[in-house]
Amino acid sequence: MKKLALALLLIVALVFTSCSTFRADYYVEDKFYTTQEADTFADPGEPSLPYSKVFIGWAQDGSDEIVTDWTVPDNKTHRYDAVLEDNVCFYLNGRLWKAIPVSEFADPGEPEEKLIPRGYEFLGWLAEPDYQIFTDWENLPENVLRFDALLVETSVQSDIGAHNVKLNFNPYRQIEVLGPVFISETYEIVDGSVKIGGIGYNDMMKAAVEKYPEADQVIDIVVDYTTERYTIQYDSNGNIIDELSQKYPASVKDVYIRTASYTGLAINIK
């Protein structure tokens, strides 16, 4: 009888000990978050996370299955890990504008007009570290979790026209200023008529890359104009015999040529 009583006491003691020593530890990205005893076992709730992460739920150690039943602790598992998903973050003026889970990646739309700095216009989104406007919203580029708003300064006047795709680059990323870029319009006189070759943004970039091979963009483009006079001299048959007034001061026809010079800064986007 005594042996039976001792055995029962031993079983009760073992049960009490196993229950009292149970402890569930919770980790977020391998960092300790909180702990619970058997009598307080329950859903520990959602941990505080940076905006770059989305909390999905808790999973037992070694499993990806999200725990949904918090009524009875699993005595075989004492560690639970937070299951997280990356956010794709969109920045405007260096500040977070919107965050979208990777699994829900899509075009975030345009920032509210009131958030865009005065004097600037929103052109699109740039996928870090690219410098071309992103358009493929069906596929998230590999290892890209940040996009920056591309803004252009609307107050700068320029005759680059339709070729001017970027007057001012303002993604609030780290950039290295490489140096100035200068290019002038070309002209020629053919049969007394002036032909001027226009300058586009691609011409500015070509000149920038020739001078600075690592150049990614030309920003802060400024336009200056110069006017020159040339004197055209004709022979007895009406043919042009020279186009330089320095050689033929007696003029038959004066030609005024107005050309533009473009100056900008070449930058390297980090």
C-alpha atoms as a PDB file:
ATOM      1  CA  MET A   1       0.000   0.000   0.000  1.00  0.00           C
ATOM      2  CA  LYS A   2       2.798   2.331   0.905  1.00  0.00           C
ATOM      3  CA  LYS A   3       4.527   1.522  -2.381  1.00  0.00           C
ATOM      4  CA  LEU A   4       1.330   2.388  -4.308  1.00  0.00           C
ATOM      5  CA  ALA A   5       1.013   5.728  -2.507  1.00  0.00           C
ATOM      6  CA  LEU A   6       4.634   6.569  -3.206  1.00  0.00           C
ATOM      7  CA  ALA A   7       4.164   5.720  -6.867  1.00  0.00           C
ATOM      8  CA  LEU A   8       1.112   7.993  -7.099  1.00  0.00           C
ATOM      9  CA  LEU A   9       2.993  10.809  -5.414  1.00  0.00           C
ATOM     10  CA  LEU A  10       5.871  10.335  -7.828  1.00  0.00           C
ATOM     11  CA  ILE A  11       3.528  10.513 -10.858  1.00  0.00           C
ATOM     12  CA  VAL A  12       1.868  13.669  -9.510  1.00  0.00           C
ATOM     13  CA  ALA A  13       5.276  15.197  -8.857  1.00  0.00           C
ATOM     14  CA  LEU A  14       6.442  14.399 -12.373  1.00  0.00           C
ATOM     15  CA  VAL A  15       3.287  15.854 -13.902  1.00  0.00           C
ATOM     16  CA  PHE A  16       3.546  18.990 -11.753  1.00  0.00           C
ATOM     17  CA  THR A  17       7.237  19.338 -12.573  1.00  0.00           C
ATOM     18  CA  SER A  18       6.694  18.904 -16.328  1.00  0.00           C
ATOM     19  CA  CYS A  19       3.927  21.522 -16.299  1.00  0.00           C
ATOM     20  CA  SER A  20       5.736  24.001 -14.126  1.00  0.00           C
ATOM     21  CA  THR A  21       8.981  23.777 -16.070  1.00  0.00           C
ATOM     22  CA  PHE A  22       7.377  24.227 -19.501  1.00  0.00           C
ATOM     23  CA  ARG A  23       8.459  27.488 -21.102  1.00  0.00           C
ATOM     24  CA  ALA A  24       7.797  28.877 -24.567  1.00  0.00           C
ATOM     25  CA  ASP A  25      10.393  31.300 -25.934  1.00  0.00           C
ATOM     26  CA  TYR A  26       9.585  33.629 -28.832  1.00  0.00           C
ATOM     27  CA  TYR A  27      12.154  35.027 -31.270  1.00  0.00           C
ATOM     28  CA  VAL A  28      12.014  37.699 -33.947  1.00  0.00           C
ATOM     29  CA  GLU A  29      14.790  37.340 -36.536  1.00  0.00           C
ATOM     30  CA  ASP A  30      16.753  35.202 -34.018  1.00  0.00           C
ATOM     31  CA  LYS A  31      16.467  37.887 -31.345  1.00  0.00           C
ATOM     32  CA  PHE A  32      14.698  36.997 -28.099  1.00  0.00           C
ATOM     33  CA  TYR A  33      11.250  38.613 -27.909  1.00  0.00           C
ATOM     34  CA  THR A  34       9.378  37.194 -24.894  1.00  0.00           C
ATOM     35  CA  THR A  35       8.729  34.036 -22.895  1.00  0.00           C
ATOM     36  CA  GLN A  36       5.684  32.284 -21.402  1.00  0.00           C
ATOM     37  CA  GLU A  37       5.088  29.612 -18.778  1.00  0.00           C
ATOM     38  CA  ALA A  38       2.577  26.800 -19.257  1.00  0.00           C
ATOM     39  CA  ASP A  39      -0.140  28.560 -17.266  1.00  0.00           C
ATOM     40  CA  THR A  40       0.204  31.758 -19.328  1.00  0.00           C
ATOM     41  CA  PHE A  41       0.595  30.132 -22.735  1.00  0.00           C
ATOM     42  CA  ALA A  42      -1.297  32.141 -25.372  1.00  0.00           C
ATOM     43  CA  ASP A  43      -0.840  34.043 -28.615  1.00  0.00           C
ATOM     44  CA  PRO A  44       1.911  36.569 -27.759  1.00  0.00           C
ATOM     45  CA  GLY A  45       0.555  39.010 -30.317  1.00  0.00           C
ATOM     46  CA  GLU A  46       2.286  40.940 -33.089  1.00  0.00           C
ATOM     47  CA  PRO A  47       5.808  42.206 -32.411  1.00  0.00           C
ATOM     48  CA  SER A  48       6.856  45.744 -33.261  1.00  0.00           C
ATOM     49  CA  LEU A  49       8.702  45.716 -36.586  1.00  0.00           C
ATOM     50  CA  PRO A  50      10.452  48.194 -38.878  1.00  0.00           C
ATOM     51  CA  TYR A  51       8.397  49.336 -41.881  1.00  0.00           C
ATOM     52  CA  SER A  52      10.552  47.108 -44.103  1.00  0.00           C
ATOM     53  CA  LYS A  53       8.949  43.947 -42.664  1.00  0.00           C
ATOM     54  CA  VAL A  54       5.430  42.488 -42.472  1.00  0.00           C
ATOM     55  CA  PHE A  55       4.434  40.102 -39.652  1.00  0.00           C
ATOM     56  CA  ILE A  56       2.683  36.931 -40.871  1.00  0.00           C
ATOM     57  CA  GLY A  57       2.426  34.901 -37.640  1.00  0.00           C
ATOM     58  CA  TRP A  58       4.262  32.547 -35.275  1.00  0.00           C
ATOM     59  CA  ALA A  59       5.644  29.128 -36.224  1.00  0.00           C
ATOM     60  CA  GLN A  60       7.151  26.340 -34.146  1.00  0.00           C
ATOM     61  CA  ASP A  61      10.887  25.910 -34.377  1.00  0.00           C
ATOM     62  CA  GLY A  62      11.793  24.099 -37.588  1.00  0.00           C
ATOM     63  CA  SER A  63       8.372  24.630 -39.176  1.00  0.00           C
ATOM     64  CA  ASP A  64       6.886  27.207 -41.552  1.00  0.00           C
ATOM     65  CA  GLU A  65       3.310  26.423 -40.525  1.00  0.00           C
ATOM     66  CA  ILE A  66       1.623  29.306 -38.744  1.00  0.00           C
ATOM     67  CA  VAL A  67       0.282  28.409 -35.283  1.00  0.00           C
ATOM     68  CA  THR A  68      -3.463  29.026 -34.988  1.00  0.00           C
ATOM     69  CA  ASP A  69      -4.396  26.921 -31.925  1.00  0.00           C
ATOM     70  CA  TRP A  70      -3.120  28.539 -28.735  1.00  0.00           C
ATOM     71  CA  THR A  71      -5.297  26.542 -26.332  1.00  0.00           C
ATOM     72  CA  VAL A  72      -2.765  23.824 -25.467  1.00  0.00           C
ATOM     73  CA  PRO A  73       1.040  24.202 -25.497  1.00  0.00           C
ATOM     74  CA  ASP A  74       3.075  21.695 -27.401  1.00  0.00           C
ATOM     75  CA  ASN A  75       5.395  20.336 -24.753  1.00  0.00           C
ATOM     76  CA  LYS A  76       7.728  19.070 -27.442  1.00  0.00           C
ATOM     77  CA  THR A  77       8.366  22.555 -28.801  1.00  0.00           C
ATOM     78  CA  HIS A  78       9.744  25.344 -26.643  1.00  0.00           C
ATOM     79  CA  ARG A  79      10.731  27.840 -29.326  1.00  0.00           C
ATOM     80  CA  TYR A  80       8.527  29.868 -31.637  1.00  0.00           C
ATOM     81  CA  ASP A  81       9.804  32.130 -34.430  1.00  0.00           C
ATOM     82  CA  ALA A  82       8.093  35.099 -36.021  1.00  0.00           C
ATOM     83  CA  VAL A  83       7.354  34.512 -39.708  1.00  0.00           C
ATOM     84  CA  LEU A  84       8.060  37.741 -41.599  1.00  0.00           C
ATOM     85  CA  GLU A  85       7.740  39.016 -45.155  1.00  0.00           C
ATOM     86  CA  ASP A  86       9.691  41.831 -46.775  1.00  0.00           C
ATOM     87  CA  ASN A  87       8.019  45.086 -47.700  1.00  0.00           C
ATOM     88  CA  VAL A  88       8.722  46.954 -50.927  1.00  0.00           C
ATOM     89  CA  CYS A  89       9.141  50.569 -49.814  1.00  0.00           C
ATOM     90  CA  PHE A  90       8.436  53.657 -51.894  1.00  0.00           C
ATOM     91  CA  TYR A  91      10.151  56.914 -50.939  1.00  0.00           C
ATOM     92  CA  LEU A  92       9.264  60.502 -51.742  1.00  0.00           C
ATOM     93  CA  ASN A  93      11.811  63.183 -50.807  1.00  0.00           C
ATOM     94  CA  GLY A  94      13.730  60.623 -48.786  1.00  0.00           C
ATOM     95  CA  ARG A  95      10.705  59.773 -46.642  1.00  0.00           C
ATOM     96  CA  LEU A  96       8.679  56.581 -46.712  1.00  0.00           C
ATOM     97  CA  TRP A  97       5.513  57.162 -48.733  1.00  0.00           C
ATOM     98  CA  LYS A  98       4.078  53.647 -49.018  1.00  0.00           C
ATOM     99  CA  ALA A  99       5.057  50.049 -48.163  1.00  0.00           C
ATOM    100  CA  ILE A 100       3.685  46.998 -50.003  1.00  0.00           C
ATOM    101  CA  PRO A 101       4.375  43.335 -49.098  1.00  0.00           C
ATOM    102  CA  VAL A 102       6.485  41.542 -51.699  1.00  0.00           C
ATOM    103  CA  SER A 103       3.652  39.092 -52.349  1.00  0.00           C
ATOM    104  CA  GLU A 104       1.366  42.023 -53.249  1.00  0.00           C
ATOM    105  CA  PHE A 105       3.866  43.924 -55.420  1.00  0.00           C
ATOM    106  CA  ALA A 106       2.159  46.248 -57.918  1.00  0.00           C
ATOM    107  CA  ASP A 107       2.211  49.816 -59.198  1.00  0.00           C
ATOM    108  CA  PRO A 108       1.742  51.980 -56.078  1.00  0.00           C
ATOM    109  CA  GLY A 109       0.332  54.889 -58.078  1.00  0.00           C
ATOM    110  CA  GLU A 110       1.399  58.536 -57.907  1.00  0.00           C
ATOM    111  CA  PRO A 111       2.089  60.480 -54.705  1.00  0.00           C
ATOM    112  CA  GLU A 112      -0.504  63.059 -53.697  1.00  0.00           C
ATOM    113  CA  GLU A 113       0.154  66.401 -55.355  1.00  0.00           C
ATOM    114  CA  LYS A 114       0.285  68.160 -52.002  1.00  0.00           C
ATOM    115  CA  LEU A 115       3.281  66.012 -51.001  1.00  0.00           C
ATOM    116  CA  ILE A 116       5.366  66.918 -54.061  1.00  0.00           C
ATOM    117  CA  PRO A 117       7.671  69.896 -53.386  1.00  0.00           C
ATOM    118  CA  ARG A 118       6.702  73.137 -55.055  1.00  0.00           C
ATOM    119  CA  GLY A 119       8.425  73.587 -58.398  1.00  0.00           C
ATOM    120  CA  TYR A 120       8.762  69.836 -59.033  1.00  0.00           C
ATOM    121  CA  GLU A 121       6.839  67.299 -61.092  1.00  0.00           C
ATOM    122  CA  PHE A 122       6.552  63.541 -60.501  1.00  0.00           C
ATOM    123  CA  LEU A 123       7.718  61.474 -63.513  1.00  0.00           C
ATOM    124  CA  GLY A 124       7.712  57.928 -62.160  1.00  0.00           C
ATOM    125  CA  TRP A 125       9.478  55.472 -59.862  1.00  0.00           C
ATOM    126  CA  LEU A 126      13.123  54.405 -59.906  1.00  0.00           C
ATOM    127  CA  ALA A 127      14.053  50.908 -58.760  1.00  0.00           C
ATOM    128  CA  GLU A 128      17.187  51.058 -56.620  1.00  0.00           C
ATOM    129  CA  PRO A 129      19.892  51.266 -57.912  1.00  0.00           C
ATOM    130  CA  ASP A 130      18.574  51.864 -61.467  1.00  0.00           C
ATOM    131  CA  TYR A 131      18.114  55.343 -62.932  1.00  0.00           C
ATOM    132  CA  GLN A 132      15.498  54.561 -65.592  1.00  0.00           C
ATOM    133  CA  ILE A 133      11.775  54.938 -64.925  1.00  0.00           C
ATOM    134  CA  PHE A 134      10.390  51.550 -63.843  1.00  0.00           C
ATOM    135  CA  THR A 135       7.488  50.161 -65.897  1.00  0.00           C
ATOM    136  CA  ASP A 136       7.354  46.362 -65.402  1.00  0.00           C
ATOM    137  CA  TRP A 137       4.972  46.156 -62.427  1.00  0.00           C
ATOM    138  CA  GLU A 138       4.319  42.475 -63.066  1.00  0.00           C
ATOM    139  CA  ASN A 139       7.769  41.497 -61.844  1.00  0.00           C
ATOM    140  CA  LEU A 140       9.753  42.728 -58.864  1.00  0.00           C
ATOM    141  CA  PRO A 141      13.456  43.017 -59.775  1.00  0.00           C
ATOM    142  CA  GLU A 142      15.715  40.664 -57.865  1.00  0.00           C
ATOM    143  CA  ASN A 143      17.083  42.089 -54.593  1.00  0.00           C
ATOM    144  CA  VAL A 144      15.147  45.355 -55.051  1.00  0.00           C
ATOM    145  CA  LEU A 145      13.049  46.459 -52.080  1.00  0.00           C
ATOM    146  CA  ARG A 146      13.271  50.237 -52.504  1.00  0.00           C
ATOM    147  CA  PHE A 147      11.875  52.641 -55.087  1.00  0.00           C
ATOM    148  CA  ASP A 148      12.419  56.401 -55.195  1.00  0.00           C
ATOM    149  CA  ALA A 149      10.199  59.031 -56.782  1.00  0.00           C
ATOM    150  CA  LEU A 150      11.797  60.726 -59.769  1.00  0.00           C
ATOM    151  CA  LEU A 151      11.112  64.453 -59.639  1.00  0.00           C
ATOM    152  CA  VAL A 152      11.979  67.065 -62.243  1.00  0.00           C
ATOM    153  CA  GLU A 153      12.287  70.763 -61.616  1.00  0.00           C
ATOM    154  CA  THR A 154       9.586  72.510 -63.630  1.00  0.00           C
ATOM    155  CA  SER A 155      10.876  76.040 -63.073  1.00  0.00           C
ATOM    156  CA  VAL A 156      14.023  75.586 -65.222  1.00  0.00           C
ATOM    157  CA  GLN A 157      13.616  76.946 -68.757  1.00  0.00           C
ATOM    158  CA  SER A 158      15.247  75.055 -71.597  1.00  0.00           C
ATOM    159  CA  ASP A 159      14.977  74.629 -75.354  1.00  0.00           C
ATOM    160  CA  ILE A 160      15.916  70.974 -75.264  1.00  0.00           C
ATOM    161  CA  GLY A 161      12.220  70.316 -75.837  1.00  0.00           C
ATOM    162  CA  ALA A 162      10.937  66.800 -76.177  1.00  0.00           C
ATOM    163  CA  HIS A 163      14.449  65.399 -75.830  1.00  0.00           C
ATOM    164  CA  ASN A 164      14.753  66.809 -72.341  1.00  0.00           C
ATOM    165  CA  VAL A 165      13.705  63.842 -70.260  1.00  0.00           C
ATOM    166  CA  LYS A 166      15.307  65.028 -67.030  1.00  0.00           C
ATOM    167  CA  LEU A 167      16.113  68.612 -66.131  1.00  0.00           C
ATOM    168  CA  ASN A 168      16.820  67.914 -62.493  1.00  0.00           C
ATOM    169  CA  PHE A 169      17.315  64.566 -60.819  1.00  0.00           C
ATOM    170  CA  ASN A 170      15.908  64.442 -57.297  1.00  0.00           C
ATOM    171  CA  PRO A 171      15.561  60.874 -55.982  1.00  0.00           C
ATOM    172  CA  TYR A 172      17.187  61.647 -52.606  1.00  0.00           C
ATOM    173  CA  ARG A 173      19.805  59.002 -53.063  1.00  0.00           C
ATOM    174  CA  GLN A 174      23.521  59.259 -52.559  1.00  0.00           C
ATOM    175  CA  ILE A 175      25.109  60.758 -55.657  1.00  0.00           C
ATOM    176  CA  GLU A 176      28.614  61.761 -56.643  1.00  0.00           C
ATOM    177  CA  VAL A 177      29.019  64.958 -58.647  1.00  0.00           C
ATOM    178  CA  LEU A 178      31.593  64.187 -61.349  1.00  0.00           C
ATOM    179  CA  GLY A 179      31.916  67.613 -62.949  1.00  0.00           C
ATOM    180  CA  PRO A 180      30.498  70.001 -65.543  1.00  0.00           C
ATOM    181  CA  VAL A 181      29.432  69.070 -69.066  1.00  0.00           C
ATOM    182  CA  PHE A 182      29.367  71.660 -71.849  1.00  0.00           C
ATOM    183  CA  ILE A 183      28.015  71.269 -75.376  1.00  0.00           C
ATOM    184  CA  SER A 184      27.030  73.766 -78.088  1.00  0.00           C
ATOM    185  CA  GLU A 185      24.766  73.540 -81.107  1.00  0.00           C
ATOM    186  CA  THR A 186      26.529  73.065 -84.428  1.00  0.00           C
ATOM    187  CA  TYR A 187      25.736  75.121 -87.516  1.00  0.00           C
ATOM    188  CA  GLU A 188      26.723  75.445 -91.149  1.00  0.00           C
ATOM    189  CA  ILE A 189      25.950  77.775 -94.027  1.00  0.00           C
ATOM    190  CA  VAL A 190      24.802  76.053 -97.199  1.00  0.00           C
ATOM    191  CA  ASP A 191      24.106  78.229-100.254  1.00  0.00           C
ATOM    192  CA  GLY A 192      23.572  81.219 -98.039  1.00  0.00           C
ATOM    193  CA  SER A 193      21.159  79.426 -95.706  1.00  0.00           C
ATOM    194  CA  VAL A 194      21.973  78.628 -92.102  1.00  0.00           C
ATOM    195  CA  LYS A 195      21.410  75.093 -90.847  1.00  0.00           C
ATOM    196  CA  ILE A 196      21.650  74.516 -87.088  1.00  0.00           C
ATOM    197  CA  GLY A 197      21.960  71.095 -85.540  1.00  0.00           C
ATOM    198  CA  GLY A 198      19.804  70.848 -82.388  1.00  0.00           C
ATOM    199  CA  ILE A 199      20.917  69.413 -79.061  1.00  0.00           C
ATOM    200  CA  GLY A 200      18.956  66.766 -77.173  1.00  0.00           C
ATOM    201  CA  TYR A 201      19.379  65.131 -73.800  1.00  0.00           C
ATOM    202  CA  ASN A 202      21.032  62.132 -75.442  1.00  0.00           C
ATOM    203  CA  ASP A 203      23.720  64.473 -76.774  1.00  0.00           C
ATOM    204  CA  MET A 204      24.321  65.748 -73.248  1.00  0.00           C
ATOM    205  CA  MET A 205      24.660  62.190 -71.936  1.00  0.00           C
ATOM    206  CA  LYS A 206      27.019  61.219 -74.747  1.00  0.00           C
ATOM    207  CA  ALA A 207      29.272  64.179 -73.940  1.00  0.00           C
ATOM    208  CA  ALA A 208      29.086  63.319 -70.224  1.00  0.00           C
ATOM    209  CA  VAL A 209      30.078  59.668 -70.718  1.00  0.00           C
ATOM    210  CA  GLU A 210      32.959  60.647 -72.991  1.00  0.00           C
ATOM    211  CA  LYS A 211      34.324  62.892 -70.258  1.00  0.00           C
ATOM    212  CA  TYR A 212      33.220  60.829 -67.242  1.00  0.00           C
ATOM    213  CA  PRO A 213      32.747  57.134 -68.143  1.00  0.00           C
ATOM    214  CA  GLU A 214      30.892  56.452 -64.868  1.00  0.00           C
ATOM    215  CA  ALA A 215      28.271  59.171 -65.490  1.00  0.00           C
ATOM    216  CA  ASP A 216      24.636  58.108 -65.015  1.00  0.00           C
ATOM    217  CA  GLN A 217      22.787  61.388 -65.481  1.00  0.00           C
ATOM    218  CA  VAL A 218      23.218  65.057 -66.383  1.00  0.00           C
ATOM    219  CA  ILE A 219      21.317  67.390 -64.055  1.00  0.00           C
ATOM    220  CA  ASP A 220      20.745  71.120 -63.565  1.00  0.00           C
ATOM    221  CA  ILE A 221      20.975  71.918 -67.259  1.00  0.00           C
ATOM    222  CA  VAL A 222      21.332  75.626 -68.033  1.00  0.00           C
ATOM    223  CA  VAL A 223      20.906  77.120 -71.517  1.00  0.00           C
ATOM    224  CA  ASP A 224      22.777  80.190 -72.836  1.00  0.00           C
ATOM    225  CA  TYR A 225      22.428  81.803 -76.261  1.00  0.00           C
ATOM    226  CA  THR A 226      24.956  83.582 -78.480  1.00  0.00           C
ATOM    227  CA  THR A 227      24.374  85.508 -81.712  1.00  0.00           C
ATOM    228  CA  GLU A 228      27.049  85.832 -84.380  1.00  0.00           C
ATOM    229  CA  ARG A 229      27.068  87.754 -87.684  1.00  0.00           C
ATOM    230  CA  TYR A 230      28.602  86.338 -90.812  1.00  0.00           C
ATOM    231  CA  THR A 231      29.009  88.164 -94.135  1.00  0.00           C
ATOM    232  CA  ILE A 232      28.378  86.321 -97.370  1.00  0.00           C
ATOM    233  CA  GLN A 233      30.352  87.374-100.503  1.00  0.00           C
ATOM    234  CA  TYR A 234      29.209  86.467-104.011  1.00  0.00           C
ATOM    235  CA  ASP A 235      31.121  86.339-107.278  1.00  0.00           C
ATOM    236  CA  SER A 236      29.941  87.727-110.613  1.00  0.00           C
ATOM    237  CA  ASN A 237      27.918  84.607-111.291  1.00  0.00           C
ATOM    238  CA  GLY A 238      26.083  84.832-107.970  1.00  0.00           C
ATOM    239  CA  ASN A 239      27.987  81.964-106.397  1.00  0.00           C
ATOM    240  CA  ILE A 240      29.191  82.208-102.818  1.00  0.00           C
ATOM    241  CA  ILE A 241      32.959  82.515-102.838  1.00  0.00           C
ATOM    242  CA  ASP A 242      33.530  82.706 -99.062  1.00  0.00           C
ATOM    243  CA  GLU A 243      31.554  82.713 -95.886  1.00  0.00           C
ATOM    244  CA  LEU A 244      34.000  84.415 -93.534  1.00  0.00           C
ATOM    245  CA  SER A 245      33.695  88.141 -93.019  1.00  0.00           C
ATOM    246  CA  GLN A 246      37.329  88.327 -91.874  1.00  0.00           C
ATOM    247  CA  LYS A 247      38.460  87.704 -95.483  1.00  0.00           C
ATOM    248  CA  TYR A 248      35.717  89.653 -97.246  1.00  0.00           C
ATOM    249  CA  PRO A 249      34.748  92.781 -95.274  1.00  0.00           C
ATOM    250  CA  ALA A 250      32.600  94.129 -98.129  1.00  0.00           C
ATOM    251  CA  SER A 251      29.228  92.578 -97.497  1.00  0.00           C
ATOM    252  CA  VAL A 252      26.525  91.596 -99.887  1.00  0.00           C
ATOM    253  CA  LYS A 253      24.466  89.731 -97.333  1.00  0.00           C
ATOM    254  CA  ASP A 254      24.656  89.597 -93.542  1.00  0.00           C
ATOM    255  CA  VAL A 255      23.681  86.339 -91.835  1.00  0.00           C
ATOM    256  CA  TYR A 256      22.889  86.310 -88.110  1.00  0.00           C
ATOM    257  CA  ILE A 257      23.261  82.983 -86.390  1.00  0.00           C
ATOM    258  CA  ARG A 258      21.785  82.329 -82.921  1.00  0.00           C
ATOM    259  CA  THR A 259      23.014  79.150 -81.251  1.00  0.00           C
ATOM    260  CA  ALA A 260      22.495  77.623 -77.826  1.00  0.00           C
ATOM    261  CA  SER A 261      25.056  76.278 -75.386  1.00  0.00           C
ATOM    262  CA  TYR A 262      24.095  73.774 -72.714  1.00  0.00           C
ATOM    263  CA  THR A 263      25.883  73.316 -69.393  1.00  0.00           C
ATOM    264  CA  GLY A 264      25.019  70.672 -66.821  1.00  0.00           C
ATOM    265  CA  LEU A 265      26.471  68.535 -64.055  1.00  0.00           C
ATOM    266  CA  ALA A 266      27.351  64.890 -64.637  1.00  0.00           C
ATOM    267  CA  ILE A 267      26.560  62.643 -61.669  1.00  0.00           C
ATOM    268  CA  ASN A 268      27.179  59.060 -60.649  1.00  0.00           C
ATOM    269  CA  ILE A 269      24.256  57.443 -58.808  1.00  0.00           C
ATOM    270  CA  LYS A 270      25.343  55.271 -55.892  1.00  0.00           C
END
